[in-house]
Amino acid sequence: MKKNIGIIILLALLFPPAARSQDNRPLTKDDIEGRWTEYKRIEGDVERQIGEYADTYIFRENMVFHKGEASEGIILFNIAGRYTIEGDSIVISYRNYIEKNASKQEAKKLILKVLSRSGDEMLVQVADYDYEYKMILKK
């Protein structure tokens, strides 16, 4: 019995899940290009499943970013800007076009630190000014 447990532990250490080994790769534009929707938000100890009105994040191949808020079956893309990849983080400079004089406002910064990624899912730490939380995005 102890021998079997030892073999299982050894195999688990030698062959980690593909998601864990994929995390070691540097973050690239190909990893994040596309349309992502917010699946779950984690604030402290509270996990909230995002339902029907999930936010949509679009990372285009030309480094342009759009964020849309869903409401009653319509997605309103009110935030637009540009993004860069810095290490394991996606740094977004954006303007909120719902606010008055959006073209005159100073660009705001949103940082998504990628904590893990596997296939079509990313766990990110979001830093938006003084507000921080974790979020799971799905493609």
C-alpha atoms as a PDB file:
ATOM      1  CA  MET A   1       0.000   0.000   0.000  1.00  0.00           C
ATOM      2  CA  LYS A   2       2.768   2.460   0.942  1.00  0.00           C
ATOM      3  CA  LYS A   3       4.633   1.533  -2.233  1.00  0.00           C
ATOM      4  CA  ASN A   4       1.573   2.413  -4.367  1.00  0.00           C
ATOM      5  CA  ILE A   5       1.167   5.784  -2.648  1.00  0.00           C
ATOM      6  CA  GLY A   6       4.856   6.503  -3.192  1.00  0.00           C
ATOM      7  CA  ILE A   7       4.551   5.684  -6.903  1.00  0.00           C
ATOM      8  CA  ILE A   8       1.483   7.913  -7.263  1.00  0.00           C
ATOM      9  CA  ILE A   9       3.245  10.834  -5.568  1.00  0.00           C
ATOM     10  CA  LEU A  10       6.332  10.326  -7.753  1.00  0.00           C
ATOM     11  CA  LEU A  11       4.227  10.275 -10.931  1.00  0.00           C
ATOM     12  CA  ALA A  12       2.329  13.393  -9.849  1.00  0.00           C
ATOM     13  CA  LEU A  13       5.601  15.253  -9.343  1.00  0.00           C
ATOM     14  CA  LEU A  14       7.157  14.060 -12.602  1.00  0.00           C
ATOM     15  CA  PHE A  15       4.120  14.694 -14.787  1.00  0.00           C
ATOM     16  CA  PRO A  16       2.422  17.925 -13.679  1.00  0.00           C
ATOM     17  CA  PRO A  17      -0.789  18.935 -15.399  1.00  0.00           C
ATOM     18  CA  ALA A  18      -0.386  20.568 -18.804  1.00  0.00           C
ATOM     19  CA  ALA A  19      -1.869  23.800 -17.475  1.00  0.00           C
ATOM     20  CA  ARG A  20       0.856  24.147 -14.876  1.00  0.00           C
ATOM     21  CA  SER A  21       3.671  23.492 -17.352  1.00  0.00           C
ATOM     22  CA  GLN A  22       2.099  25.911 -19.841  1.00  0.00           C
ATOM     23  CA  ASP A  23       2.319  28.694 -17.221  1.00  0.00           C
ATOM     24  CA  ASN A  24       6.108  28.646 -17.495  1.00  0.00           C
ATOM     25  CA  ARG A  25       5.996  29.895 -21.076  1.00  0.00           C
ATOM     26  CA  PRO A  26       6.368  33.655 -21.491  1.00  0.00           C
ATOM     27  CA  LEU A  27       3.089  35.435 -22.191  1.00  0.00           C
ATOM     28  CA  THR A  28       2.714  36.282 -25.892  1.00  0.00           C
ATOM     29  CA  LYS A  29       0.253  38.204 -28.013  1.00  0.00           C
ATOM     30  CA  ASP A  30      -0.993  34.904 -29.479  1.00  0.00           C
ATOM     31  CA  ASP A  31      -1.973  33.752 -25.967  1.00  0.00           C
ATOM     32  CA  ILE A  32      -4.327  36.653 -25.390  1.00  0.00           C
ATOM     33  CA  GLU A  33      -5.565  37.736 -28.832  1.00  0.00           C
ATOM     34  CA  GLY A  34      -9.295  37.312 -29.202  1.00  0.00           C
ATOM     35  CA  ARG A  35     -12.532  37.739 -27.330  1.00  0.00           C
ATOM     36  CA  TRP A  36     -12.651  36.861 -23.625  1.00  0.00           C
ATOM     37  CA  THR A  37     -15.630  36.936 -21.280  1.00  0.00           C
ATOM     38  CA  GLU A  38     -15.559  37.277 -17.525  1.00  0.00           C
ATOM     39  CA  TYR A  39     -16.562  33.934 -16.037  1.00  0.00           C
ATOM     40  CA  LYS A  40     -15.895  34.431 -12.323  1.00  0.00           C
ATOM     41  CA  ARG A  41     -14.798  37.293 -10.051  1.00  0.00           C
ATOM     42  CA  ILE A  42     -12.949  36.669  -6.789  1.00  0.00           C
ATOM     43  CA  GLU A  43     -12.845  39.506  -4.257  1.00  0.00           C
ATOM     44  CA  GLY A  44     -11.149  38.433  -1.043  1.00  0.00           C
ATOM     45  CA  ASP A  45     -12.909  35.255   0.103  1.00  0.00           C
ATOM     46  CA  VAL A  46     -16.000  35.900  -2.023  1.00  0.00           C
ATOM     47  CA  GLU A  47     -16.307  34.132  -5.393  1.00  0.00           C
ATOM     48  CA  ARG A  48     -19.038  35.382  -7.684  1.00  0.00           C
ATOM     49  CA  GLN A  49     -20.086  33.472 -10.787  1.00  0.00           C
ATOM     50  CA  ILE A  50     -20.831  35.930 -13.579  1.00  0.00           C
ATOM     51  CA  GLY A  51     -24.148  35.140 -15.142  1.00  0.00           C
ATOM     52  CA  GLU A  52     -25.969  36.451 -18.141  1.00  0.00           C
ATOM     53  CA  TYR A  53     -24.350  39.909 -18.208  1.00  0.00           C
ATOM     54  CA  ALA A  54     -20.637  39.139 -18.342  1.00  0.00           C
ATOM     55  CA  ASP A  55     -18.133  41.801 -19.392  1.00  0.00           C
ATOM     56  CA  THR A  56     -16.366  41.159 -22.693  1.00  0.00           C
ATOM     57  CA  TYR A  57     -12.671  41.880 -23.235  1.00  0.00           C
ATOM     58  CA  ILE A  58     -11.304  42.007 -26.791  1.00  0.00           C
ATOM     59  CA  PHE A  59      -7.579  41.995 -27.478  1.00  0.00           C
ATOM     60  CA  ARG A  60      -7.015  42.630 -31.191  1.00  0.00           C
ATOM     61  CA  GLU A  61      -3.915  41.623 -33.154  1.00  0.00           C
ATOM     62  CA  ASN A  62      -2.996  45.301 -33.696  1.00  0.00           C
ATOM     63  CA  MET A  63      -2.693  45.818 -29.890  1.00  0.00           C
ATOM     64  CA  VAL A  64      -6.084  47.579 -29.628  1.00  0.00           C
ATOM     65  CA  PHE A  65      -8.268  46.767 -26.621  1.00  0.00           C
ATOM     66  CA  HIS A  66     -12.048  47.006 -26.183  1.00  0.00           C
ATOM     67  CA  LYS A  67     -14.160  46.275 -23.106  1.00  0.00           C
ATOM     68  CA  GLY A  68     -17.877  45.816 -23.365  1.00  0.00           C
ATOM     69  CA  GLU A  69     -20.481  45.738 -20.628  1.00  0.00           C
ATOM     70  CA  ALA A  70     -23.483  43.498 -21.232  1.00  0.00           C
ATOM     71  CA  SER A  71     -26.934  44.715 -20.372  1.00  0.00           C
ATOM     72  CA  GLU A  72     -30.280  43.261 -21.391  1.00  0.00           C
ATOM     73  CA  GLY A  73     -28.881  41.299 -24.320  1.00  0.00           C
ATOM     74  CA  ILE A  74     -26.769  44.165 -25.693  1.00  0.00           C
ATOM     75  CA  ILE A  75     -23.019  44.632 -25.331  1.00  0.00           C
ATOM     76  CA  LEU A  76     -21.999  48.280 -25.043  1.00  0.00           C
ATOM     77  CA  PHE A  77     -18.312  48.733 -25.905  1.00  0.00           C
ATOM     78  CA  ASN A  78     -17.658  51.877 -23.896  1.00  0.00           C
ATOM     79  CA  ILE A  79     -13.966  51.400 -23.072  1.00  0.00           C
ATOM     80  CA  ALA A  80     -11.249  51.371 -25.725  1.00  0.00           C
ATOM     81  CA  GLY A  81      -7.506  51.723 -25.726  1.00  0.00           C
ATOM     82  CA  ARG A  82      -4.232  49.959 -26.402  1.00  0.00           C
ATOM     83  CA  TYR A  83      -2.458  47.137 -24.623  1.00  0.00           C
ATOM     84  CA  THR A  84       1.102  45.947 -24.195  1.00  0.00           C
ATOM     85  CA  ILE A  85       2.544  42.773 -22.752  1.00  0.00           C
ATOM     86  CA  GLU A  86       5.071  43.326 -19.978  1.00  0.00           C
ATOM     87  CA  GLY A  87       6.382  40.061 -18.557  1.00  0.00           C
ATOM     88  CA  ASP A  88       3.370  38.164 -17.224  1.00  0.00           C
ATOM     89  CA  SER A  89       1.060  41.203 -17.311  1.00  0.00           C
ATOM     90  CA  ILE A  90      -1.250  42.805 -19.838  1.00  0.00           C
ATOM     91  CA  VAL A  91      -1.015  46.585 -19.374  1.00  0.00           C
ATOM     92  CA  ILE A  92      -3.972  48.476 -20.825  1.00  0.00           C
ATOM     93  CA  SER A  93      -4.180  52.245 -21.351  1.00  0.00           C
ATOM     94  CA  TYR A  94      -7.802  53.180 -21.989  1.00  0.00           C
ATOM     95  CA  ARG A  95     -10.479  55.850 -22.055  1.00  0.00           C
ATOM     96  CA  ASN A  96     -14.068  55.434 -20.913  1.00  0.00           C
ATOM     97  CA  TYR A  97     -16.241  56.760 -23.736  1.00  0.00           C
ATOM     98  CA  ILE A  98     -19.386  56.883 -21.599  1.00  0.00           C
ATOM     99  CA  GLU A  99     -17.890  59.781 -19.648  1.00  0.00           C
ATOM    100  CA  LYS A 100     -18.142  63.302 -21.057  1.00  0.00           C
ATOM    101  CA  ASN A 101     -15.161  64.618 -23.021  1.00  0.00           C
ATOM    102  CA  ALA A 102     -13.530  61.193 -23.251  1.00  0.00           C
ATOM    103  CA  SER A 103     -11.094  62.390 -25.905  1.00  0.00           C
ATOM    104  CA  LYS A 104      -9.842  65.117 -23.533  1.00  0.00           C
ATOM    105  CA  GLN A 105      -9.448  62.889 -20.478  1.00  0.00           C
ATOM    106  CA  GLU A 106      -6.102  61.449 -19.456  1.00  0.00           C
ATOM    107  CA  ALA A 107      -5.720  57.756 -20.305  1.00  0.00           C
ATOM    108  CA  LYS A 108      -6.361  55.388 -17.402  1.00  0.00           C
ATOM    109  CA  LYS A 109      -4.345  52.246 -16.724  1.00  0.00           C
ATOM    110  CA  LEU A 110      -5.628  48.739 -16.072  1.00  0.00           C
ATOM    111  CA  ILE A 111      -3.204  45.887 -15.347  1.00  0.00           C
ATOM    112  CA  LEU A 112      -4.144  42.230 -15.744  1.00  0.00           C
ATOM    113  CA  LYS A 113      -1.423  40.058 -14.212  1.00  0.00           C
ATOM    114  CA  VAL A 114      -1.814  36.550 -15.616  1.00  0.00           C
ATOM    115  CA  LEU A 115      -1.553  34.126 -12.692  1.00  0.00           C
ATOM    116  CA  SER A 116      -2.306  31.007 -14.739  1.00  0.00           C
ATOM    117  CA  ARG A 117      -3.575  30.060 -18.150  1.00  0.00           C
ATOM    118  CA  SER A 118      -4.623  26.848 -19.803  1.00  0.00           C
ATOM    119  CA  GLY A 119      -6.277  26.464 -23.151  1.00  0.00           C
ATOM    120  CA  ASP A 120      -9.124  28.930 -23.330  1.00  0.00           C
ATOM    121  CA  GLU A 121      -9.046  30.112 -19.708  1.00  0.00           C
ATOM    122  CA  MET A 122      -6.974  32.673 -17.791  1.00  0.00           C
ATOM    123  CA  LEU A 123      -6.845  33.540 -14.096  1.00  0.00           C
ATOM    124  CA  VAL A 124      -5.782  37.176 -13.733  1.00  0.00           C
ATOM    125  CA  GLN A 125      -5.120  39.600 -10.887  1.00  0.00           C
ATOM    126  CA  VAL A 126      -6.762  42.898 -11.866  1.00  0.00           C
ATOM    127  CA  ALA A 127      -5.298  46.209 -10.680  1.00  0.00           C
ATOM    128  CA  ASP A 128      -7.411  49.259 -11.536  1.00  0.00           C
ATOM    129  CA  TYR A 129      -6.118  52.208  -9.479  1.00  0.00           C
ATOM    130  CA  ASP A 130      -6.586  51.218  -5.810  1.00  0.00           C
ATOM    131  CA  TYR A 131      -9.048  48.434  -6.602  1.00  0.00           C
ATOM    132  CA  GLU A 132      -7.721  44.852  -6.914  1.00  0.00           C
ATOM    133  CA  TYR A 133      -9.467  41.536  -7.449  1.00  0.00           C
ATOM    134  CA  LYS A 134      -9.021  38.240  -9.294  1.00  0.00           C
ATOM    135  CA  MET A 135     -10.992  37.211 -12.322  1.00  0.00           C
ATOM    136  CA  ILE A 136     -11.324  34.127 -14.506  1.00  0.00           C
ATOM    137  CA  LEU A 137     -11.662  34.888 -18.214  1.00  0.00           C
ATOM    138  CA  LYS A 138     -12.818  32.366 -20.819  1.00  0.00           C
ATOM    139  CA  LYS A 139     -12.414  32.561 -24.595  1.00  0.00           C
END
